[in-house]
């Protein structure tokens, strides 16, 4: 089991724009970033990432969440697997 301290460190370190930027080409639009949703086929970008809030939202298909939710949805990982993936990406030791 992953300790609460490790989970909080992963959530604080894993910036949503960095995690999603590995999978989606994002463009700056005001305070947010905009791109095509990786979860459904679209021609006009409706996938918004808010770095200040640490969340993403697709206004086309309705998927939303934080960096862990994105990894879970995109890679079809469980919650612990997504946390381990992000910990490895950011070189965080898991307790």
PDB file of N, CA and C in Angstrom:
ATOM      1  N   UNK A   1       0.832  -1.186   0.000  1.00  0.00           N
ATOM      2  CA  UNK A   1       0.000   0.000   0.000  1.00  0.00           C
ATOM      3  C   UNK A   1       0.879   1.253   0.000  1.00  0.00           C
ATOM      4  N   UNK A   2       0.475   2.232  -0.754  1.00  0.00           N
ATOM      5  CA  UNK A   2       1.236   3.474  -0.878  1.00  0.00           C
ATOM      6  C   UNK A   2       0.817   4.420   0.251  1.00  0.00           C
ATOM      7  N   UNK A   3       1.808   4.984   0.937  1.00  0.00           N
ATOM      8  CA  UNK A   3       1.510   5.850   2.075  1.00  0.00           C
ATOM      9  C   UNK A   3       0.854   7.156   1.616  1.00  0.00           C
ATOM     10  N   UNK A   4       0.103   7.787   2.535  1.00  0.00           N
ATOM     11  CA  UNK A   4      -0.561   9.063   2.239  1.00  0.00           C
ATOM     12  C   UNK A   4       0.452  10.140   1.879  1.00  0.00           C
ATOM     13  N   UNK A   5       1.585  10.145   2.574  1.00  0.00           N
ATOM     14  CA  UNK A   5       2.625  11.144   2.307  1.00  0.00           C
ATOM     15  C   UNK A   5       3.153  11.000   0.880  1.00  0.00           C
ATOM     16  N   UNK A   6       3.347   9.757   0.434  1.00  0.00           N
ATOM     17  CA  UNK A   6       3.821   9.523  -0.935  1.00  0.00           C
ATOM     18  C   UNK A   6       2.791   9.969  -1.954  1.00  0.00           C
ATOM     19  N   UNK A   7       1.519   9.666  -1.703  1.00  0.00           N
ATOM     20  CA  UNK A   7       0.443  10.063  -2.618  1.00  0.00           C
ATOM     21  C   UNK A   7       0.388  11.580  -2.735  1.00  0.00           C
ATOM     22  N   UNK A   8       0.462  12.274  -1.606  1.00  0.00           N
ATOM     23  CA  UNK A   8       0.422  13.737  -1.628  1.00  0.00           C
ATOM     24  C   UNK A   8       1.617  14.321  -2.372  1.00  0.00           C
ATOM     25  N   UNK A   9       2.794  13.721  -2.181  1.00  0.00           N
ATOM     26  CA  UNK A   9       3.996  14.191  -2.872  1.00  0.00           C
ATOM     27  C   UNK A   9       3.852  13.991  -4.379  1.00  0.00           C
ATOM     28  N   UNK A  10       3.318  12.857  -4.788  1.00  0.00           N
ATOM     29  CA  UNK A  10       3.108  12.589  -6.216  1.00  0.00           C
ATOM     30  C   UNK A  10       2.111  13.584  -6.799  1.00  0.00           C
ATOM     31  N   UNK A  11       0.990  13.811  -6.112  1.00  0.00           N
ATOM     32  CA  UNK A  11      -0.031  14.743  -6.598  1.00  0.00           C
ATOM     33  C   UNK A  11       0.503  16.166  -6.680  1.00  0.00           C
ATOM     34  N   UNK A  12       1.346  16.557  -5.725  1.00  0.00           N
ATOM     35  CA  UNK A  12       1.920  17.903  -5.734  1.00  0.00           C
ATOM     36  C   UNK A  12       2.968  18.071  -6.832  1.00  0.00           C
ATOM     37  N   UNK A  13       3.718  17.004  -7.119  1.00  0.00           N
ATOM     38  CA  UNK A  13       4.819  17.074  -8.073  1.00  0.00           C
ATOM     39  C   UNK A  13       4.358  16.919  -9.519  1.00  0.00           C
ATOM     40  N   UNK A  14       3.401  16.032  -9.760  1.00  0.00           N
ATOM     41  CA  UNK A  14       2.960  15.719 -11.121  1.00  0.00           C
ATOM     42  C   UNK A  14       2.081  16.845 -11.656  1.00  0.00           C
ATOM     43  N   UNK A  15       2.701  17.771 -12.373  1.00  0.00           N
ATOM     44  CA  UNK A  15       1.970  18.902 -12.927  1.00  0.00           C
ATOM     45  C   UNK A  15       1.134  18.417 -14.114  1.00  0.00           C
ATOM     46  N   UNK A  16      -0.138  18.750 -14.088  1.00  0.00           N
ATOM     47  CA  UNK A  16      -1.091  18.236 -15.073  1.00  0.00           C
ATOM     48  C   UNK A  16      -0.687  18.593 -16.500  1.00  0.00           C
ATOM     49  N   UNK A  17      -0.146  19.779 -16.710  1.00  0.00           N
ATOM     50  CA  UNK A  17       0.237  20.178 -18.064  1.00  0.00           C
ATOM     51  C   UNK A  17       1.436  19.384 -18.576  1.00  0.00           C
ATOM     52  N   UNK A  18       2.356  18.997 -17.677  1.00  0.00           N
ATOM     53  CA  UNK A  18       3.506  18.176 -18.076  1.00  0.00           C
ATOM     54  C   UNK A  18       3.073  16.760 -18.424  1.00  0.00           C
ATOM     55  N   UNK A  19       2.226  16.184 -17.582  1.00  0.00           N
ATOM     56  CA  UNK A  19       1.766  14.811 -17.789  1.00  0.00           C
ATOM     57  C   UNK A  19       0.972  14.708 -19.088  1.00  0.00           C
ATOM     58  N   UNK A  20       0.008  15.596 -19.279  1.00  0.00           N
ATOM     59  CA  UNK A  20      -0.837  15.547 -20.471  1.00  0.00           C
ATOM     60  C   UNK A  20      -0.048  15.973 -21.706  1.00  0.00           C
ATOM     61  N   UNK A  21       0.907  16.877 -21.531  1.00  0.00           N
ATOM     62  CA  UNK A  21       1.737  17.333 -22.645  1.00  0.00           C
ATOM     63  C   UNK A  21       2.549  16.225 -23.284  1.00  0.00           C
ATOM     64  N   UNK A  22       2.771  15.114 -22.567  1.00  0.00           N
ATOM     65  CA  UNK A  22       3.456  13.958 -23.140  1.00  0.00           C
ATOM     66  C   UNK A  22       2.579  13.240 -24.170  1.00  0.00           C
ATOM     67  N   UNK A  23       1.273  13.423 -24.095  1.00  0.00           N
ATOM     68  CA  UNK A  23       0.332  12.705 -24.949  1.00  0.00           C
ATOM     69  C   UNK A  23      -0.420  13.606 -25.931  1.00  0.00           C
ATOM     70  N   UNK A  24      -0.582  14.875 -25.575  1.00  0.00           N
ATOM     71  CA  UNK A  24      -1.404  15.796 -26.353  1.00  0.00           C
ATOM     72  C   UNK A  24      -0.615  17.058 -26.661  1.00  0.00           C
ATOM     73  N   UNK A  25      -0.723  17.537 -27.890  1.00  0.00           N
ATOM     74  CA  UNK A  25      -0.111  18.814 -28.256  1.00  0.00           C
ATOM     75  C   UNK A  25      -0.999  19.938 -27.724  1.00  0.00           C
ATOM     76  N   UNK A  26      -0.474  20.701 -26.768  1.00  0.00           N
ATOM     77  CA  UNK A  26      -1.257  21.754 -26.116  1.00  0.00           C
ATOM     78  C   UNK A  26      -0.795  23.129 -26.558  1.00  0.00           C
ATOM     79  N   UNK A  27      -1.761  24.027 -26.744  1.00  0.00           N
ATOM     80  CA  UNK A  27      -1.456  25.416 -27.099  1.00  0.00           C
ATOM     81  C   UNK A  27      -2.027  26.333 -26.034  1.00  0.00           C
ATOM     82  N   UNK A  28      -1.267  27.387 -25.715  1.00  0.00           N
ATOM     83  CA  UNK A  28      -1.683  28.354 -24.703  1.00  0.00           C
ATOM     84  C   UNK A  28      -2.891  29.146 -25.199  1.00  0.00           C
ATOM     85  N   UNK A  29      -3.905  29.241 -24.360  1.00  0.00           N
ATOM     86  CA  UNK A  29      -5.086  30.055 -24.663  1.00  0.00           C
ATOM     87  C   UNK A  29      -5.480  30.729 -23.357  1.00  0.00           C
ATOM     88  N   UNK A  30      -5.032  31.950 -23.173  1.00  0.00           N
ATOM     89  CA  UNK A  30      -5.286  32.671 -21.923  1.00  0.00           C
ATOM     90  C   UNK A  30      -4.515  32.009 -20.792  1.00  0.00           C
ATOM     91  N   UNK A  31      -5.208  31.729 -19.686  1.00  0.00           N
ATOM     92  CA  UNK A  31      -4.567  31.083 -18.535  1.00  0.00           C
ATOM     93  C   UNK A  31      -4.507  29.571 -18.708  1.00  0.00           C
ATOM     94  N   UNK A  32      -5.257  29.033 -19.683  1.00  0.00           N
ATOM     95  CA  UNK A  32      -5.357  27.590 -19.878  1.00  0.00           C
ATOM     96  C   UNK A  32      -4.609  27.127 -21.114  1.00  0.00           C
ATOM     97  N   UNK A  33      -4.573  25.815 -21.297  1.00  0.00           N
ATOM     98  CA  UNK A  33      -3.985  25.195 -22.477  1.00  0.00           C
ATOM     99  C   UNK A  33      -5.092  24.436 -23.196  1.00  0.00           C
ATOM    100  N   UNK A  34      -5.015  24.396 -24.527  1.00  0.00           N
ATOM    101  CA  UNK A  34      -6.072  23.790 -25.321  1.00  0.00           C
ATOM    102  C   UNK A  34      -5.471  22.800 -26.312  1.00  0.00           C
ATOM    103  N   UNK A  35      -6.172  21.684 -26.534  1.00  0.00           N
ATOM    104  CA  UNK A  35      -5.711  20.685 -27.492  1.00  0.00           C
ATOM    105  C   UNK A  35      -6.837  19.755 -27.890  1.00  0.00           C
ATOM    106  N   UNK A  36      -6.532  18.843 -28.822  1.00  0.00           N
ATOM    107  CA  UNK A  36      -7.508  17.837 -29.226  1.00  0.00           C
ATOM    108  C   UNK A  36      -7.570  16.735 -28.178  1.00  0.00           C
ATOM    109  N   UNK A  37      -8.764  16.297 -27.859  1.00  0.00           N
ATOM    110  CA  UNK A  37      -8.966  15.284 -26.825  1.00  0.00           C
ATOM    111  C   UNK A  37      -8.413  13.931 -27.274  1.00  0.00           C
ATOM    112  N   UNK A  38      -7.630  13.268 -26.418  1.00  0.00           N
ATOM    113  CA  UNK A  38      -7.103  11.943 -26.766  1.00  0.00           C
ATOM    114  C   UNK A  38      -8.124  10.821 -26.556  1.00  0.00           C
ATOM    115  N   UNK A  39      -9.276  11.127 -25.986  1.00  0.00           N
ATOM    116  CA  UNK A  39     -10.256  10.104 -25.650  1.00  0.00           C
ATOM    117  C   UNK A  39     -11.334   9.931 -26.716  1.00  0.00           C
ATOM    118  N   UNK A  40     -11.469  10.894 -27.624  1.00  0.00           N
ATOM    119  CA  UNK A  40     -12.408  10.752 -28.735  1.00  0.00           C
ATOM    120  C   UNK A  40     -11.879  11.522 -29.939  1.00  0.00           C
ATOM    121  N   UNK A  41     -12.411  11.205 -31.101  1.00  0.00           N
ATOM    122  CA  UNK A  41     -11.946  11.819 -32.345  1.00  0.00           C
ATOM    123  C   UNK A  41     -12.621  13.176 -32.534  1.00  0.00           C
ATOM    124  N   UNK A  42     -11.812  14.218 -32.677  1.00  0.00           N
ATOM    125  CA  UNK A  42     -12.380  15.551 -32.884  1.00  0.00           C
ATOM    126  C   UNK A  42     -11.479  16.373 -33.797  1.00  0.00           C
ATOM    127  N   UNK A  43     -12.088  17.313 -34.511  1.00  0.00           N
ATOM    128  CA  UNK A  43     -11.348  18.195 -35.413  1.00  0.00           C
ATOM    129  C   UNK A  43     -11.071  19.545 -34.774  1.00  0.00           C
ATOM    130  N   UNK A  44     -12.001  20.017 -33.952  1.00  0.00           N
ATOM    131  CA  UNK A  44     -11.853  21.298 -33.262  1.00  0.00           C
ATOM    132  C   UNK A  44     -11.498  21.024 -31.806  1.00  0.00           C
ATOM    133  N   UNK A  45     -10.402  21.612 -31.293  1.00  0.00           N
ATOM    134  CA  UNK A  45      -9.989  21.341 -29.910  1.00  0.00           C
ATOM    135  C   UNK A  45     -11.050  21.725 -28.880  1.00  0.00           C
ATOM    136  N   UNK A  46     -11.366  20.783 -28.010  1.00  0.00           N
ATOM    137  CA  UNK A  46     -12.290  21.062 -26.899  1.00  0.00           C
ATOM    138  C   UNK A  46     -11.719  20.558 -25.579  1.00  0.00           C
ATOM    139  N   UNK A  47     -10.446  20.148 -25.605  1.00  0.00           N
ATOM    140  CA  UNK A  47      -9.774  19.593 -24.430  1.00  0.00           C
ATOM    141  C   UNK A  47      -8.990  20.717 -23.754  1.00  0.00           C
ATOM    142  N   UNK A  48      -9.390  21.090 -22.548  1.00  0.00           N
ATOM    143  CA  UNK A  48      -8.787  22.215 -21.835  1.00  0.00           C
ATOM    144  C   UNK A  48      -8.027  21.722 -20.613  1.00  0.00           C
ATOM    145  N   UNK A  49      -6.823  22.259 -20.417  1.00  0.00           N
ATOM    146  CA  UNK A  49      -6.000  21.942 -19.251  1.00  0.00           C
ATOM    147  C   UNK A  49      -5.788  23.236 -18.469  1.00  0.00           C
ATOM    148  N   UNK A  50      -6.089  23.190 -17.167  1.00  0.00           N
ATOM    149  CA  UNK A  50      -5.907  24.355 -16.304  1.00  0.00           C
ATOM    150  C   UNK A  50      -4.737  24.096 -15.351  1.00  0.00           C
ATOM    151  N   UNK A  51      -3.554  24.657 -15.645  1.00  0.00           N
ATOM    152  CA  UNK A  51      -2.407  24.460 -14.761  1.00  0.00           C
ATOM    153  C   UNK A  51      -2.626  25.030 -13.357  1.00  0.00           C
ATOM    154  N   UNK A  52      -3.346  26.138 -13.251  1.00  0.00           N
ATOM    155  CA  UNK A  52      -3.559  26.752 -11.933  1.00  0.00           C
ATOM    156  C   UNK A  52      -4.451  25.884 -11.051  1.00  0.00           C
ATOM    157  N   UNK A  53      -5.434  25.219 -11.649  1.00  0.00           N
ATOM    158  CA  UNK A  53      -6.326  24.338 -10.889  1.00  0.00           C
ATOM    159  C   UNK A  53      -5.819  22.901 -10.835  1.00  0.00           C
ATOM    160  N   UNK A  54      -4.896  22.557 -11.746  1.00  0.00           N
ATOM    161  CA  UNK A  54      -4.344  21.200 -11.776  1.00  0.00           C
ATOM    162  C   UNK A  54      -5.318  20.171 -12.334  1.00  0.00           C
ATOM    163  N   UNK A  55      -6.182  20.606 -13.261  1.00  0.00           N
ATOM    164  CA  UNK A  55      -7.185  19.697 -13.802  1.00  0.00           C
ATOM    165  C   UNK A  55      -7.255  19.798 -15.326  1.00  0.00           C
ATOM    166  N   UNK A  56      -7.929  18.802 -15.933  1.00  0.00           N
ATOM    167  CA  UNK A  56      -8.259  18.854 -17.350  1.00  0.00           C
ATOM    168  C   UNK A  56      -9.745  18.606 -17.507  1.00  0.00           C
ATOM    169  N   UNK A  57     -10.301  19.060 -18.649  1.00  0.00           N
ATOM    170  CA  UNK A  57     -11.723  18.848 -18.935  1.00  0.00           C
ATOM    171  C   UNK A  57     -11.907  18.855 -20.439  1.00  0.00           C
ATOM    172  N   UNK A  58     -12.617  17.856 -20.944  1.00  0.00           N
ATOM    173  CA  UNK A  58     -12.990  17.834 -22.351  1.00  0.00           C
ATOM    174  C   UNK A  58     -14.454  18.224 -22.437  1.00  0.00           C
ATOM    175  N   UNK A  59     -14.730  19.277 -23.181  1.00  0.00           N
ATOM    176  CA  UNK A  59     -16.103  19.741 -23.321  1.00  0.00           C
ATOM    177  C   UNK A  59     -16.840  18.996 -24.433  1.00  0.00           C
ATOM    178  N   UNK A  60     -16.130  18.082 -25.119  1.00  0.00           N
ATOM    179  CA  UNK A  60     -16.759  17.254 -26.137  1.00  0.00           C
ATOM    180  C   UNK A  60     -17.311  15.961 -25.547  1.00  0.00           C
ATOM    181  N   UNK A  61     -16.449  15.209 -24.839  1.00  0.00           N
ATOM    182  CA  UNK A  61     -16.874  13.910 -24.291  1.00  0.00           C
ATOM    183  C   UNK A  61     -17.147  13.961 -22.796  1.00  0.00           C
ATOM    184  N   UNK A  62     -16.724  15.036 -22.115  1.00  0.00           N
ATOM    185  CA  UNK A  62     -17.028  15.194 -20.700  1.00  0.00           C
ATOM    186  C   UNK A  62     -16.006  14.625 -19.739  1.00  0.00           C
ATOM    187  N   UNK A  63     -14.926  14.016 -20.245  1.00  0.00           N
ATOM    188  CA  UNK A  63     -13.906  13.458 -19.347  1.00  0.00           C
ATOM    189  C   UNK A  63     -13.183  14.598 -18.650  1.00  0.00           C
ATOM    190  N   UNK A  64     -12.879  14.376 -17.356  1.00  0.00           N
ATOM    191  CA  UNK A  64     -12.216  15.407 -16.563  1.00  0.00           C
ATOM    192  C   UNK A  64     -11.477  14.764 -15.407  1.00  0.00           C
ATOM    193  N   UNK A  65     -10.554  15.521 -14.811  1.00  0.00           N
ATOM    194  CA  UNK A  65      -9.838  15.023 -13.639  1.00  0.00           C
ATOM    195  C   UNK A  65      -8.482  15.674 -13.490  1.00  0.00           C
ATOM    196  N   UNK A  66      -7.625  15.007 -12.711  1.00  0.00           N
ATOM    197  CA  UNK A  66      -6.273  15.515 -12.480  1.00  0.00           C
ATOM    198  C   UNK A  66      -5.269  14.627 -13.227  1.00  0.00           C
ATOM    199  N   UNK A  67      -3.990  14.795 -12.941  1.00  0.00           N
ATOM    200  CA  UNK A  67      -2.962  14.051 -13.671  1.00  0.00           C
ATOM    201  C   UNK A  67      -3.081  12.539 -13.450  1.00  0.00           C
ATOM    202  N   UNK A  68      -3.450  12.112 -12.241  1.00  0.00           N
ATOM    203  CA  UNK A  68      -3.595  10.686 -11.965  1.00  0.00           C
ATOM    204  C   UNK A  68      -4.782  10.122 -12.746  1.00  0.00           C
ATOM    205  N   UNK A  69      -5.899  10.850 -12.757  1.00  0.00           N
ATOM    206  CA  UNK A  69      -7.071  10.410 -13.517  1.00  0.00           C
ATOM    207  C   UNK A  69      -6.750  10.284 -15.005  1.00  0.00           C
ATOM    208  N   UNK A  70      -5.957  11.216 -15.526  1.00  0.00           N
ATOM    209  CA  UNK A  70      -5.595  11.175 -16.939  1.00  0.00           C
ATOM    210  C   UNK A  70      -4.811   9.907 -17.259  1.00  0.00           C
ATOM    211  N   UNK A  71      -3.807   9.599 -16.438  1.00  0.00           N
ATOM    212  CA  UNK A  71      -3.001   8.388 -16.661  1.00  0.00           C
ATOM    213  C   UNK A  71      -3.872   7.145 -16.536  1.00  0.00           C
ATOM    214  N   UNK A  72      -4.758   7.120 -15.549  1.00  0.00           N
ATOM    215  CA  UNK A  72      -5.660   5.979 -15.379  1.00  0.00           C
ATOM    216  C   UNK A  72      -6.520   5.786 -16.630  1.00  0.00           C
ATOM    217  N   UNK A  73      -7.080   6.857 -17.141  1.00  0.00           N
ATOM    218  CA  UNK A  73      -7.977   6.791 -18.296  1.00  0.00           C
ATOM    219  C   UNK A  73      -7.222   6.473 -19.583  1.00  0.00           C
ATOM    220  N   UNK A  74      -6.108   7.157 -19.796  1.00  0.00           N
ATOM    221  CA  UNK A  74      -5.377   7.018 -21.057  1.00  0.00           C
ATOM    222  C   UNK A  74      -4.646   5.685 -21.161  1.00  0.00           C
ATOM    223  N   UNK A  75      -3.993   5.270 -20.083  1.00  0.00           N
ATOM    224  CA  UNK A  75      -3.189   4.045 -20.099  1.00  0.00           C
ATOM    225  C   UNK A  75      -3.949   2.819 -19.580  1.00  0.00           C
ATOM    226  N   UNK A  76      -5.190   3.023 -19.138  1.00  0.00           N
ATOM    227  CA  UNK A  76      -6.021   1.955 -18.559  1.00  0.00           C
ATOM    228  C   UNK A  76      -5.339   1.314 -17.345  1.00  0.00           C
ATOM    229  N   UNK A  77      -4.809   2.175 -16.464  1.00  0.00           N
ATOM    230  CA  UNK A  77      -4.155   1.736 -15.234  1.00  0.00           C
ATOM    231  C   UNK A  77      -5.127   1.839 -14.070  1.00  0.00           C
ATOM    232  N   UNK A  78      -4.846   1.062 -13.024  1.00  0.00           N
ATOM    233  CA  UNK A  78      -5.578   1.227 -11.771  1.00  0.00           C
ATOM    234  C   UNK A  78      -4.973   2.433 -11.047  1.00  0.00           C
ATOM    235  N   UNK A  79      -5.611   2.851  -9.958  1.00  0.00           N
ATOM    236  CA  UNK A  79      -5.108   4.005  -9.194  1.00  0.00           C
ATOM    237  C   UNK A  79      -3.674   3.769  -8.705  1.00  0.00           C
ATOM    238  N   UNK A  80      -3.362   2.626  -8.063  1.00  0.00           N
ATOM    239  CA  UNK A  80      -1.972   2.404  -7.619  1.00  0.00           C
ATOM    240  C   UNK A  80      -0.979   2.352  -8.780  1.00  0.00           C
ATOM    241  N   UNK A  81      -1.385   1.760  -9.912  1.00  0.00           N
ATOM    242  CA  UNK A  81      -0.489   1.700 -11.067  1.00  0.00           C
ATOM    243  C   UNK A  81      -0.198   3.092 -11.608  1.00  0.00           C
ATOM    244  N   UNK A  82      -1.218   3.952 -11.645  1.00  0.00           N
ATOM    245  CA  UNK A  82      -1.029   5.327 -12.120  1.00  0.00           C
ATOM    246  C   UNK A  82      -0.105   6.097 -11.192  1.00  0.00           C
ATOM    247  N   UNK A  83      -0.273   5.908  -9.882  1.00  0.00           N
ATOM    248  CA  UNK A  83       0.613   6.575  -8.923  1.00  0.00           C
ATOM    249  C   UNK A  83       2.055   6.099  -9.093  1.00  0.00           C
ATOM    250  N   UNK A  84       2.249   4.806  -9.292  1.00  0.00           N
ATOM    251  CA  UNK A  84       3.603   4.266  -9.484  1.00  0.00           C
ATOM    252  C   UNK A  84       4.219   4.795 -10.778  1.00  0.00           C
ATOM    253  N   UNK A  85       3.408   4.898 -11.834  1.00  0.00           N
ATOM    254  CA  UNK A  85       3.882   5.436 -13.102  1.00  0.00           C
ATOM    255  C   UNK A  85       4.383   6.875 -12.921  1.00  0.00           C
ATOM    256  N   UNK A  86       3.581   7.706 -12.245  1.00  0.00           N
ATOM    257  CA  UNK A  86       3.971   9.106 -12.026  1.00  0.00           C
ATOM    258  C   UNK A  86       5.163   9.211 -11.083  1.00  0.00           C
ATOM    259  N   UNK A  87       5.223   8.350 -10.082  1.00  0.00           N
ATOM    260  CA  UNK A  87       6.367   8.357  -9.163  1.00  0.00           C
ATOM    261  C   UNK A  87       7.652   8.045  -9.923  1.00  0.00           C
ATOM    262  N   UNK A  88       7.579   7.072 -10.825  1.00  0.00           N
ATOM    263  CA  UNK A  88       8.750   6.721 -11.626  1.00  0.00           C
ATOM    264  C   UNK A  88       9.140   7.878 -12.546  1.00  0.00           C
ATOM    265  N   UNK A  89       8.140   8.513 -13.163  1.00  0.00           N
ATOM    266  CA  UNK A  89       8.394   9.635 -14.079  1.00  0.00           C
ATOM    267  C   UNK A  89       9.109  10.785 -13.373  1.00  0.00           C
ATOM    268  N   UNK A  90       8.739  11.060 -12.128  1.00  0.00           N
ATOM    269  CA  UNK A  90       9.312  12.187 -11.377  1.00  0.00           C
ATOM    270  C   UNK A  90      10.346  11.760 -10.343  1.00  0.00           C
ATOM    271  N   UNK A  91      10.805  10.512 -10.416  1.00  0.00           N
ATOM    272  CA  UNK A  91      11.838   9.986  -9.503  1.00  0.00           C
ATOM    273  C   UNK A  91      11.466  10.171  -8.031  1.00  0.00           C
ATOM    274  N   UNK A  92      10.259   9.753  -7.691  1.00  0.00           N
ATOM    275  CA  UNK A  92       9.785   9.837  -6.309  1.00  0.00           C
ATOM    276  C   UNK A  92       9.802   8.437  -5.716  1.00  0.00           C
ATOM    277  N   UNK A  93      10.424   8.296  -4.545  1.00  0.00           N
ATOM    278  CA  UNK A  93      10.449   7.006  -3.863  1.00  0.00           C
ATOM    279  C   UNK A  93       9.104   6.782  -3.182  1.00  0.00           C
ATOM    280  N   UNK A  94       8.532   5.596  -3.389  1.00  0.00           N
ATOM    281  CA  UNK A  94       7.239   5.263  -2.782  1.00  0.00           C
ATOM    282  C   UNK A  94       7.459   4.479  -1.502  1.00  0.00           C
ATOM    283  N   UNK A  95       6.765   4.889  -0.455  1.00  0.00           N
ATOM    284  CA  UNK A  95       6.858   4.196   0.822  1.00  0.00           C
ATOM    285  C   UNK A  95       5.811   3.093   0.872  1.00  0.00           C
TER     286      UNK A  95
END
